[in-house]
PDB file of N, CA and C in Angstrom:
ATOM      1  N   PHE A   1       6.184  11.671 -24.219  1.00  0.00           N
ATOM      2  CA  PHE A   1       5.261  10.763 -23.727  1.00  0.00           C
ATOM      3  C   PHE A   1       4.911  10.775 -22.297  1.00  0.00           C
ATOM      4  N   SER A   2       3.555  10.447 -22.045  1.00  0.00           N
ATOM      5  CA  SER A   2       2.882  10.455 -20.867  1.00  0.00           C
ATOM      6  C   SER A   2       2.216   9.168 -20.694  1.00  0.00           C
ATOM      7  N   LEU A   3       1.782   8.630 -19.425  1.00  0.00           N
ATOM      8  CA  LEU A   3       1.251   7.275 -19.121  1.00  0.00           C
ATOM      9  C   LEU A   3       0.427   7.980 -17.957  1.00  0.00           C
ATOM     10  N   GLU A   4      -0.659   8.419 -17.800  1.00  0.00           N
ATOM     11  CA  GLU A   4      -1.264   8.713 -16.577  1.00  0.00           C
ATOM     12  C   GLU A   4      -1.962   7.554 -15.914  1.00  0.00           C
ATOM     13  N   GLN A   5      -1.977   7.964 -14.267  1.00  0.00           N
ATOM     14  CA  GLN A   5      -2.792   6.922 -13.390  1.00  0.00           C
ATOM     15  C   GLN A   5      -4.005   6.614 -14.022  1.00  0.00           C
ATOM     16  N   ASN A   6      -4.535   5.507 -13.834  1.00  0.00           N
ATOM     17  CA  ASN A   6      -5.663   5.069 -14.393  1.00  0.00           C
ATOM     18  C   ASN A   6      -6.727   5.775 -13.252  1.00  0.00           C
ATOM     19  N   TYR A   7      -7.837   5.627 -13.848  1.00  0.00           N
ATOM     20  CA  TYR A   7      -9.261   6.265 -13.249  1.00  0.00           C
ATOM     21  C   TYR A   7     -10.460   5.762 -13.516  1.00  0.00           C
ATOM     22  N   PRO A   8     -10.987   5.239 -12.471  1.00  0.00           N
ATOM     23  CA  PRO A   8     -10.606   5.525 -10.883  1.00  0.00           C
ATOM     24  C   PRO A   8      -9.800   4.473 -10.547  1.00  0.00           C
ATOM     25  N   ASN A   9      -9.205   4.677  -9.477  1.00  0.00           N
ATOM     26  CA  ASN A   9      -8.303   3.753  -8.764  1.00  0.00           C
ATOM     27  C   ASN A   9      -8.278   3.968  -7.096  1.00  0.00           C
ATOM     28  N   PRO A  10      -8.544   2.949  -6.638  1.00  0.00           N
ATOM     29  CA  PRO A  10      -9.112   1.423  -6.971  1.00  0.00           C
ATOM     30  C   PRO A  10     -10.281   1.578  -7.702  1.00  0.00           C
ATOM     31  N   PHE A  11     -10.665   0.474  -8.365  1.00  0.00           N
ATOM     32  CA  PHE A  11     -11.640   0.189  -9.267  1.00  0.00           C
ATOM     33  C   PHE A  11     -12.378  -1.048  -9.450  1.00  0.00           C
ATOM     34  N   ASN A  12     -13.435  -1.082  -9.808  1.00  0.00           N
ATOM     35  CA  ASN A  12     -14.276  -2.476  -9.814  1.00  0.00           C
ATOM     36  C   ASN A  12     -15.632  -2.131 -10.698  1.00  0.00           C
ATOM     37  N   PRO A  13     -15.627  -2.812 -11.957  1.00  0.00           N
ATOM     38  CA  PRO A  13     -14.536  -3.756 -12.657  1.00  0.00           C
ATOM     39  C   PRO A  13     -13.708  -3.133 -13.740  1.00  0.00           C
ATOM     40  N   SER A  14     -14.141  -1.819 -13.873  1.00  0.00           N
ATOM     41  CA  SER A  14     -13.443  -1.332 -15.298  1.00  0.00           C
ATOM     42  C   SER A  14     -12.645  -0.060 -14.793  1.00  0.00           C
ATOM     43  N   THR A  15     -12.055   0.391 -15.566  1.00  0.00           N
ATOM     44  CA  THR A  15     -10.973   1.550 -15.393  1.00  0.00           C
ATOM     45  C   THR A  15     -10.615   2.229 -16.726  1.00  0.00           C
ATOM     46  N   LYS A  16     -10.294   3.301 -16.702  1.00  0.00           N
ATOM     47  CA  LYS A  16      -9.893   4.268 -17.819  1.00  0.00           C
ATOM     48  C   LYS A  16      -8.114   4.553 -17.997  1.00  0.00           C
ATOM     49  N   ILE A  17      -7.502   4.161 -18.746  1.00  0.00           N
ATOM     50  CA  ILE A  17      -6.167   4.381 -18.828  1.00  0.00           C
ATOM     51  C   ILE A  17      -5.913   5.443 -19.910  1.00  0.00           C
ATOM     52  N   LYS A  18      -5.085   6.600 -19.655  1.00  0.00           N
ATOM     53  CA  LYS A  18      -4.915   7.709 -20.465  1.00  0.00           C
ATOM     54  C   LYS A  18      -3.343   7.561 -20.979  1.00  0.00           C
ATOM     55  N   TYR A  19      -3.071   7.791 -22.159  1.00  0.00           N
ATOM     56  CA  TYR A  19      -1.695   8.030 -22.533  1.00  0.00           C
ATOM     57  C   TYR A  19      -1.755   9.023 -23.676  1.00  0.00           C
ATOM     58  N   GLU A  20      -0.172   9.494 -24.197  1.00  0.00           N
ATOM     59  CA  GLU A  20       0.038  10.360 -24.819  1.00  0.00           C
ATOM     60  C   GLU A  20       1.142  10.142 -25.543  1.00  0.00           C
ATOM     61  N   ILE A  21       1.279  10.143 -27.001  1.00  0.00           N
ATOM     62  CA  ILE A  21       2.405   9.927 -27.783  1.00  0.00           C
ATOM     63  C   ILE A  21       2.770  11.121 -28.514  1.00  0.00           C
ATOM     64  N   PRO A  22       3.894  11.591 -28.211  1.00  0.00           N
ATOM     65  CA  PRO A  22       4.092  13.155 -28.840  1.00  0.00           C
ATOM     66  C   PRO A  22       4.413  12.938 -30.198  1.00  0.00           C
ATOM     67  N   ASN A  23       4.572  13.985 -30.938  1.00  0.00           N
ATOM     68  CA  ASN A  23       4.760  14.185 -32.366  1.00  0.00           C
ATOM     69  C   ASN A  23       6.190  13.741 -32.748  1.00  0.00           C
ATOM     70  N   VAL A  24       6.522  12.637 -32.786  1.00  0.00           N
ATOM     71  CA  VAL A  24       7.971  12.119 -32.969  1.00  0.00           C
ATOM     72  C   VAL A  24       7.708  10.915 -34.375  1.00  0.00           C
ATOM     73  N   ILE A  25       8.967  10.726 -34.925  1.00  0.00           N
ATOM     74  CA  ILE A  25       8.930   9.586 -35.964  1.00  0.00           C
ATOM     75  C   ILE A  25      10.106   8.799 -35.820  1.00  0.00           C
ATOM     76  N   SER A  26       9.536   7.291 -35.680  1.00  0.00           N
ATOM     77  CA  SER A  26      10.668   6.277 -35.728  1.00  0.00           C
ATOM     78  C   SER A  26      11.713   6.367 -36.431  1.00  0.00           C
ATOM     79  N   ILE A  27      12.616   5.544 -36.372  1.00  0.00           N
ATOM     80  CA  ILE A  27      13.704   5.329 -37.286  1.00  0.00           C
ATOM     81  C   ILE A  27      13.417   4.985 -38.674  1.00  0.00           C
ATOM     82  N   GLU A  28      12.165   4.376 -38.660  1.00  0.00           N
ATOM     83  CA  GLU A  28      11.802   3.886 -40.215  1.00  0.00           C
ATOM     84  C   GLU A  28      10.987   5.009 -40.780  1.00  0.00           C
ATOM     85  N   GLY A  29      10.827   6.097 -40.161  1.00  0.00           N
ATOM     86  CA  GLY A  29      10.024   7.259 -40.759  1.00  0.00           C
ATOM     87  C   GLY A  29       8.390   7.182 -40.818  1.00  0.00           C
ATOM     88  N   ARG A  30       8.152   6.355 -39.948  1.00  0.00           N
ATOM     89  CA  ARG A  30       6.543   6.011 -39.543  1.00  0.00           C
ATOM     90  C   ARG A  30       5.995   6.182 -38.321  1.00  0.00           C
ATOM     91  N   ASN A  31       4.807   5.735 -37.784  1.00  0.00           N
ATOM     92  CA  ASN A  31       4.534   5.946 -36.771  1.00  0.00           C
ATOM     93  C   ASN A  31       5.188   4.932 -35.698  1.00  0.00           C
ATOM     94  N   LEU A  32       5.016   5.187 -34.635  1.00  0.00           N
ATOM     95  CA  LEU A  32       5.783   4.205 -33.530  1.00  0.00           C
ATOM     96  C   LEU A  32       4.850   3.389 -33.133  1.00  0.00           C
ATOM     97  N   PHE A  33       5.673   2.026 -32.831  1.00  0.00           N
ATOM     98  CA  PHE A  33       4.940   0.858 -32.313  1.00  0.00           C
ATOM     99  C   PHE A  33       4.568   1.005 -30.850  1.00  0.00           C
ATOM    100  N   VAL A  34       3.438   0.801 -30.531  1.00  0.00           N
ATOM    101  CA  VAL A  34       3.093   0.877 -29.062  1.00  0.00           C
ATOM    102  C   VAL A  34       2.346  -0.102 -28.580  1.00  0.00           C
ATOM    103  N   SER A  35       3.011  -0.494 -27.310  1.00  0.00           N
ATOM    104  CA  SER A  35       2.437  -1.461 -26.545  1.00  0.00           C
ATOM    105  C   SER A  35       1.956  -1.040 -25.114  1.00  0.00           C
ATOM    106  N   LEU A  36       0.694  -1.582 -24.675  1.00  0.00           N
ATOM    107  CA  LEU A  36       0.078  -1.431 -23.371  1.00  0.00           C
ATOM    108  C   LEU A  36      -0.353  -2.543 -22.997  1.00  0.00           C
ATOM    109  N   LYS A  37       0.435  -2.987 -21.789  1.00  0.00           N
ATOM    110  CA  LYS A  37      -0.002  -4.327 -21.286  1.00  0.00           C
ATOM    111  C   LYS A  37      -0.187  -4.513 -19.878  1.00  0.00           C
ATOM    112  N   VAL A  38      -1.104  -5.388 -19.435  1.00  0.00           N
ATOM    113  CA  VAL A  38      -1.679  -5.545 -17.951  1.00  0.00           C
ATOM    114  C   VAL A  38      -0.627  -6.859 -17.522  1.00  0.00           C
ATOM    115  N   TYR A  39      -0.284  -6.625 -16.268  1.00  0.00           N
ATOM    116  CA  TYR A  39       0.566  -7.614 -15.551  1.00  0.00           C
ATOM    117  C   TYR A  39      -0.286  -7.791 -14.316  1.00  0.00           C
ATOM    118  N   ASP A  40       0.006  -9.058 -13.719  1.00  0.00           N
ATOM    119  CA  ASP A  40      -0.242  -9.308 -12.123  1.00  0.00           C
ATOM    120  C   ASP A  40       0.800  -9.173 -11.307  1.00  0.00           C
ATOM    121  N   ILE A  41       0.740  -9.431 -10.062  1.00  0.00           N
ATOM    122  CA  ILE A  41       1.810  -8.975  -8.904  1.00  0.00           C
ATOM    123  C   ILE A  41       3.026  -9.848  -9.330  1.00  0.00           C
ATOM    124  N   LEU A  42       2.919 -10.865  -9.954  1.00  0.00           N
ATOM    125  CA  LEU A  42       4.171 -11.806 -10.073  1.00  0.00           C
ATOM    126  C   LEU A  42       4.850 -11.449 -11.622  1.00  0.00           C
ATOM    127  N   GLY A  43       4.226 -10.374 -12.076  1.00  0.00           N
ATOM    128  CA  GLY A  43       4.722 -10.216 -13.386  1.00  0.00           C
ATOM    129  C   GLY A  43       4.375 -11.083 -14.695  1.00  0.00           C
ATOM    130  N   ASN A  44       3.180 -11.676 -14.336  1.00  0.00           N
ATOM    131  CA  ASN A  44       2.526 -12.714 -15.521  1.00  0.00           C
ATOM    132  C   ASN A  44       1.775 -11.585 -16.386  1.00  0.00           C
ATOM    133  N   GLU A  45       1.844 -11.718 -17.847  1.00  0.00           N
ATOM    134  CA  GLU A  45       0.854 -10.866 -18.541  1.00  0.00           C
ATOM    135  C   GLU A  45      -0.581 -11.293 -18.640  1.00  0.00           C
ATOM    136  N   ILE A  46      -1.435 -10.380 -18.150  1.00  0.00           N
ATOM    137  CA  ILE A  46      -2.697 -10.709 -17.911  1.00  0.00           C
ATOM    138  C   ILE A  46      -3.501 -10.291 -19.308  1.00  0.00           C
ATOM    139  N   ALA A  47      -3.285  -9.095 -19.843  1.00  0.00           N
ATOM    140  CA  ALA A  47      -3.771  -8.586 -21.120  1.00  0.00           C
ATOM    141  C   ALA A  47      -3.009  -7.691 -21.824  1.00  0.00           C
ATOM    142  N   THR A  48      -3.174  -7.635 -23.084  1.00  0.00           N
ATOM    143  CA  THR A  48      -2.733  -6.892 -24.010  1.00  0.00           C
ATOM    144  C   THR A  48      -3.619  -5.594 -24.494  1.00  0.00           C
ATOM    145  N   LEU A  49      -3.691  -4.591 -23.994  1.00  0.00           N
ATOM    146  CA  LEU A  49      -4.483  -3.553 -24.404  1.00  0.00           C
ATOM    147  C   LEU A  49      -4.364  -2.788 -25.811  1.00  0.00           C
ATOM    148  N   VAL A  50      -2.987  -2.533 -26.158  1.00  0.00           N
ATOM    149  CA  VAL A  50      -2.619  -1.847 -27.414  1.00  0.00           C
ATOM    150  C   VAL A  50      -1.409  -2.785 -27.761  1.00  0.00           C
ATOM    151  N   ASN A  51      -1.308  -3.158 -29.079  1.00  0.00           N
ATOM    152  CA  ASN A  51      -0.287  -3.611 -29.827  1.00  0.00           C
ATOM    153  C   ASN A  51       0.126  -3.319 -31.151  1.00  0.00           C
ATOM    154  N   GLU A  52       0.408  -1.866 -31.406  1.00  0.00           N
ATOM    155  CA  GLU A  52       0.022  -1.591 -32.922  1.00  0.00           C
ATOM    156  C   GLU A  52       0.667  -0.197 -33.148  1.00  0.00           C
ATOM    157  N   GLU A  53       1.248   0.184 -34.275  1.00  0.00           N
ATOM    158  CA  GLU A  53       1.899   1.221 -34.811  1.00  0.00           C
ATOM    159  C   GLU A  53       0.661   2.272 -34.184  1.00  0.00           C
ATOM    160  N   LYS A  54       1.051   3.660 -33.624  1.00  0.00           N
ATOM    161  CA  LYS A  54       0.091   4.852 -33.379  1.00  0.00           C
ATOM    162  C   LYS A  54       0.612   6.070 -33.758  1.00  0.00           C
ATOM    163  N   ALA A  55      -0.186   6.887 -34.147  1.00  0.00           N
ATOM    164  CA  ALA A  55       0.096   8.076 -34.616  1.00  0.00           C
ATOM    165  C   ALA A  55       0.155   8.920 -33.607  1.00  0.00           C
ATOM    166  N   ALA A  56       0.738  10.079 -33.419  1.00  0.00           N
ATOM    167  CA  ALA A  56       1.071  11.138 -32.412  1.00  0.00           C
ATOM    168  C   ALA A  56      -0.312  11.613 -31.913  1.00  0.00           C
ATOM    169  N   GLY A  57      -0.520  11.822 -30.503  1.00  0.00           N
ATOM    170  CA  GLY A  57      -2.103  11.926 -30.082  1.00  0.00           C
ATOM    171  C   GLY A  57      -1.946  11.479 -28.718  1.00  0.00           C
ATOM    172  N   ASN A  58      -3.217  11.923 -28.293  1.00  0.00           N
ATOM    173  CA  ASN A  58      -3.925  11.486 -26.965  1.00  0.00           C
ATOM    174  C   ASN A  58      -4.902  10.481 -27.078  1.00  0.00           C
ATOM    175  N   TYR A  59      -4.609   9.256 -26.266  1.00  0.00           N
ATOM    176  CA  TYR A  59      -5.355   8.014 -26.194  1.00  0.00           C
ATOM    177  C   TYR A  59      -5.976   7.670 -25.010  1.00  0.00           C
ATOM    178  N   ASP A  60      -7.153   7.120 -24.703  1.00  0.00           N
ATOM    179  CA  ASP A  60      -7.785   6.543 -23.617  1.00  0.00           C
ATOM    180  C   ASP A  60      -8.301   5.021 -23.876  1.00  0.00           C
ATOM    181  N   ILE A  61      -8.027   4.273 -23.215  1.00  0.00           N
ATOM    182  CA  ILE A  61      -8.592   3.000 -23.189  1.00  0.00           C
ATOM    183  C   ILE A  61      -9.288   2.442 -22.181  1.00  0.00           C
ATOM    184  N   ASN A  62     -10.495   1.592 -22.161  1.00  0.00           N
ATOM    185  CA  ASN A  62     -10.968   0.975 -21.014  1.00  0.00           C
ATOM    186  C   ASN A  62     -10.549  -0.611 -20.841  1.00  0.00           C
ATOM    187  N   PHE A  63     -10.397  -0.733 -19.622  1.00  0.00           N
ATOM    188  CA  PHE A  63      -9.731  -1.753 -19.237  1.00  0.00           C
ATOM    189  C   PHE A  63     -10.896  -2.580 -18.258  1.00  0.00           C
ATOM    190  N   ASN A  64     -11.488  -3.724 -18.719  1.00  0.00           N
ATOM    191  CA  ASN A  64     -12.623  -4.420 -17.803  1.00  0.00           C
ATOM    192  C   ASN A  64     -11.975  -5.592 -17.297  1.00  0.00           C
ATOM    193  N   ALA A  65     -11.972  -5.704 -15.873  1.00  0.00           N
ATOM    194  CA  ALA A  65     -11.068  -6.493 -15.246  1.00  0.00           C
ATOM    195  C   ALA A  65     -12.299  -7.653 -14.413  1.00  0.00           C
ATOM    196  N   SER A  66     -13.331  -7.626 -14.972  1.00  0.00           N
ATOM    197  CA  SER A  66     -14.594  -8.194 -14.187  1.00  0.00           C
ATOM    198  C   SER A  66     -14.141  -9.890 -14.458  1.00  0.00           C
ATOM    199  N   ALA A  67     -13.308 -10.489 -15.216  1.00  0.00           N
ATOM    200  CA  ALA A  67     -12.785 -11.845 -14.860  1.00  0.00           C
ATOM    201  C   ALA A  67     -11.711 -12.023 -13.938  1.00  0.00           C
ATOM    202  N   LEU A  68     -11.023 -11.057 -13.442  1.00  0.00           N
ATOM    203  CA  LEU A  68      -9.715 -11.337 -12.799  1.00  0.00           C
ATOM    204  C   LEU A  68     -10.200 -11.140 -11.240  1.00  0.00           C
ATOM    205  N   ALA A  69      -9.139 -11.576 -10.450  1.00  0.00           N
ATOM    206  CA  ALA A  69      -9.391 -11.693  -8.825  1.00  0.00           C
ATOM    207  C   ALA A  69      -9.038 -10.297  -8.434  1.00  0.00           C
ATOM    208  N   GLY A  70      -9.369  -9.774  -7.191  1.00  0.00           N
ATOM    209  CA  GLY A  70      -9.018  -8.443  -6.820  1.00  0.00           C
ATOM    210  C   GLY A  70      -7.558  -8.498  -6.445  1.00  0.00           C
ATOM    211  N   GLY A  71      -6.953  -7.254  -6.550  1.00  0.00           N
ATOM    212  CA  GLY A  71      -5.353  -7.228  -6.078  1.00  0.00           C
ATOM    213  C   GLY A  71      -4.835  -6.245  -6.755  1.00  0.00           C
ATOM    214  N   VAL A  72      -3.501  -6.096  -6.636  1.00  0.00           N
ATOM    215  CA  VAL A  72      -2.679  -5.245  -7.503  1.00  0.00           C
ATOM    216  C   VAL A  72      -2.016  -5.591  -8.715  1.00  0.00           C
ATOM    217  N   TYR A  73      -2.317  -4.786  -9.598  1.00  0.00           N
ATOM    218  CA  TYR A  73      -2.007  -5.080 -10.848  1.00  0.00           C
ATOM    219  C   TYR A  73      -1.308  -3.984 -11.563  1.00  0.00           C
ATOM    220  N   PHE A  74      -0.190  -4.171 -12.425  1.00  0.00           N
ATOM    221  CA  PHE A  74       0.497  -3.219 -13.283  1.00  0.00           C
ATOM    222  C   PHE A  74       0.580  -2.818 -14.695  1.00  0.00           C
ATOM    223  N   TYR A  75       0.411  -1.965 -15.181  1.00  0.00           N
ATOM    224  CA  TYR A  75       0.213  -1.716 -16.635  1.00  0.00           C
ATOM    225  C   TYR A  75       1.224  -0.940 -16.908  1.00  0.00           C
ATOM    226  N   GLN A  76       2.022  -1.142 -18.189  1.00  0.00           N
ATOM    227  CA  GLN A  76       3.171  -0.683 -18.860  1.00  0.00           C
ATOM    228  C   GLN A  76       2.916  -0.418 -20.321  1.00  0.00           C
ATOM    229  N   LEU A  77       3.502   0.920 -20.434  1.00  0.00           N
ATOM    230  CA  LEU A  77       3.257   1.363 -21.916  1.00  0.00           C
ATOM    231  C   LEU A  77       4.705   1.444 -22.361  1.00  0.00           C
ATOM    232  N   LYS A  78       5.005   0.799 -23.558  1.00  0.00           N
ATOM    233  CA  LYS A  78       6.212   0.969 -24.385  1.00  0.00           C
ATOM    234  C   LYS A  78       6.201   1.515 -25.784  1.00  0.00           C
ATOM    235  N   ALA A  79       6.970   2.469 -25.955  1.00  0.00           N
ATOM    236  CA  ALA A  79       6.824   3.183 -27.365  1.00  0.00           C
ATOM    237  C   ALA A  79       8.207   3.575 -27.612  1.00  0.00           C
ATOM    238  N   GLY A  80       8.772   2.935 -28.874  1.00  0.00           N
ATOM    239  CA  GLY A  80      10.321   3.371 -28.821  1.00  0.00           C
ATOM    240  C   GLY A  80      11.062   3.025 -27.791  1.00  0.00           C
ATOM    241  N   ASP A  81      11.898   3.983 -27.338  1.00  0.00           N
ATOM    242  CA  ASP A  81      12.771   3.520 -26.262  1.00  0.00           C
ATOM    243  C   ASP A  81      11.915   4.052 -24.829  1.00  0.00           C
ATOM    244  N   TYR A  82      10.958   4.702 -24.790  1.00  0.00           N
ATOM    245  CA  TYR A  82      10.130   4.811 -23.726  1.00  0.00           C
ATOM    246  C   TYR A  82       9.549   3.710 -23.133  1.00  0.00           C
ATOM    247  N   VAL A  83       9.547   3.623 -21.700  1.00  0.00           N
ATOM    248  CA  VAL A  83       8.781   2.430 -20.752  1.00  0.00           C
ATOM    249  C   VAL A  83       8.196   3.139 -19.971  1.00  0.00           C
ATOM    250  N   GLU A  84       7.193   3.054 -19.411  1.00  0.00           N
ATOM    251  CA  GLU A  84       6.760   3.385 -18.128  1.00  0.00           C
ATOM    252  C   GLU A  84       5.568   2.557 -17.819  1.00  0.00           C
ATOM    253  N   THR A  85       5.592   2.214 -16.138  1.00  0.00           N
ATOM    254  CA  THR A  85       4.678   1.203 -15.554  1.00  0.00           C
ATOM    255  C   THR A  85       4.186   1.986 -14.525  1.00  0.00           C
ATOM    256  N   LYS A  86       2.917   1.602 -14.263  1.00  0.00           N
ATOM    257  CA  LYS A  86       2.193   2.210 -13.263  1.00  0.00           C
ATOM    258  C   LYS A  86       1.387   1.240 -12.435  1.00  0.00           C
ATOM    259  N   LYS A  87       0.927   1.356 -11.218  1.00  0.00           N
ATOM    260  CA  LYS A  87       0.014   0.216 -10.340  1.00  0.00           C
ATOM    261  C   LYS A  87      -1.118   0.691 -10.349  1.00  0.00           C
ATOM    262  N   MET A  88      -1.960  -0.177 -10.491  1.00  0.00           N
ATOM    263  CA  MET A  88      -3.291   0.006 -10.007  1.00  0.00           C
ATOM    264  C   MET A  88      -4.357  -1.228  -9.033  1.00  0.00           C
ATOM    265  N   ILE A  89      -5.074  -0.827  -8.677  1.00  0.00           N
ATOM    266  CA  ILE A  89      -5.728  -1.816  -7.560  1.00  0.00           C
ATOM    267  C   ILE A  89      -7.256  -2.170  -7.790  1.00  0.00           C
ATOM    268  N   LEU A  90      -7.666  -3.343  -8.205  1.00  0.00           N
ATOM    269  CA  LEU A  90      -8.767  -3.990  -8.399  1.00  0.00           C
ATOM    270  C   LEU A  90      -9.285  -4.363  -6.897  1.00  0.00           C
ATOM    271  N   ILE A  91     -10.314  -3.868  -6.758  1.00  0.00           N
ATOM    272  CA  ILE A  91     -11.370  -4.296  -5.492  1.00  0.00           C
ATOM    273  C   ILE A  91     -12.483  -5.082  -5.907  1.00  0.00           C
ATOM    274  N   LYS A  92     -12.504  -6.300  -5.142  1.00  0.00           N
ATOM    275  CA  LYS A  92     -13.648  -7.146  -5.665  1.00  0.00           C
ATOM    276  C   LYS A  92     -14.460  -7.153  -4.462  1.00  0.00           C
TER     277      LYS A  92
END
């Protein structure tokens, strides 16, 4: 698994987040359930970018933060037992 740093960072108003799901099979014998969420500095969930089963592969998703205030945000990838969080900065 890998979660890359968003690009560009800092950003205004949108950024791209890339992640990779390796060729693994979940316990149930199907694709892994993947979630990618954005949180504010207080830990409040701001957006859900991915919330579904995904096959192995490389993915990228655009996050548009035009409705958000400038500041520090975190994005977190969860897939199976894997969890990784990274920081991004929105400049207004």
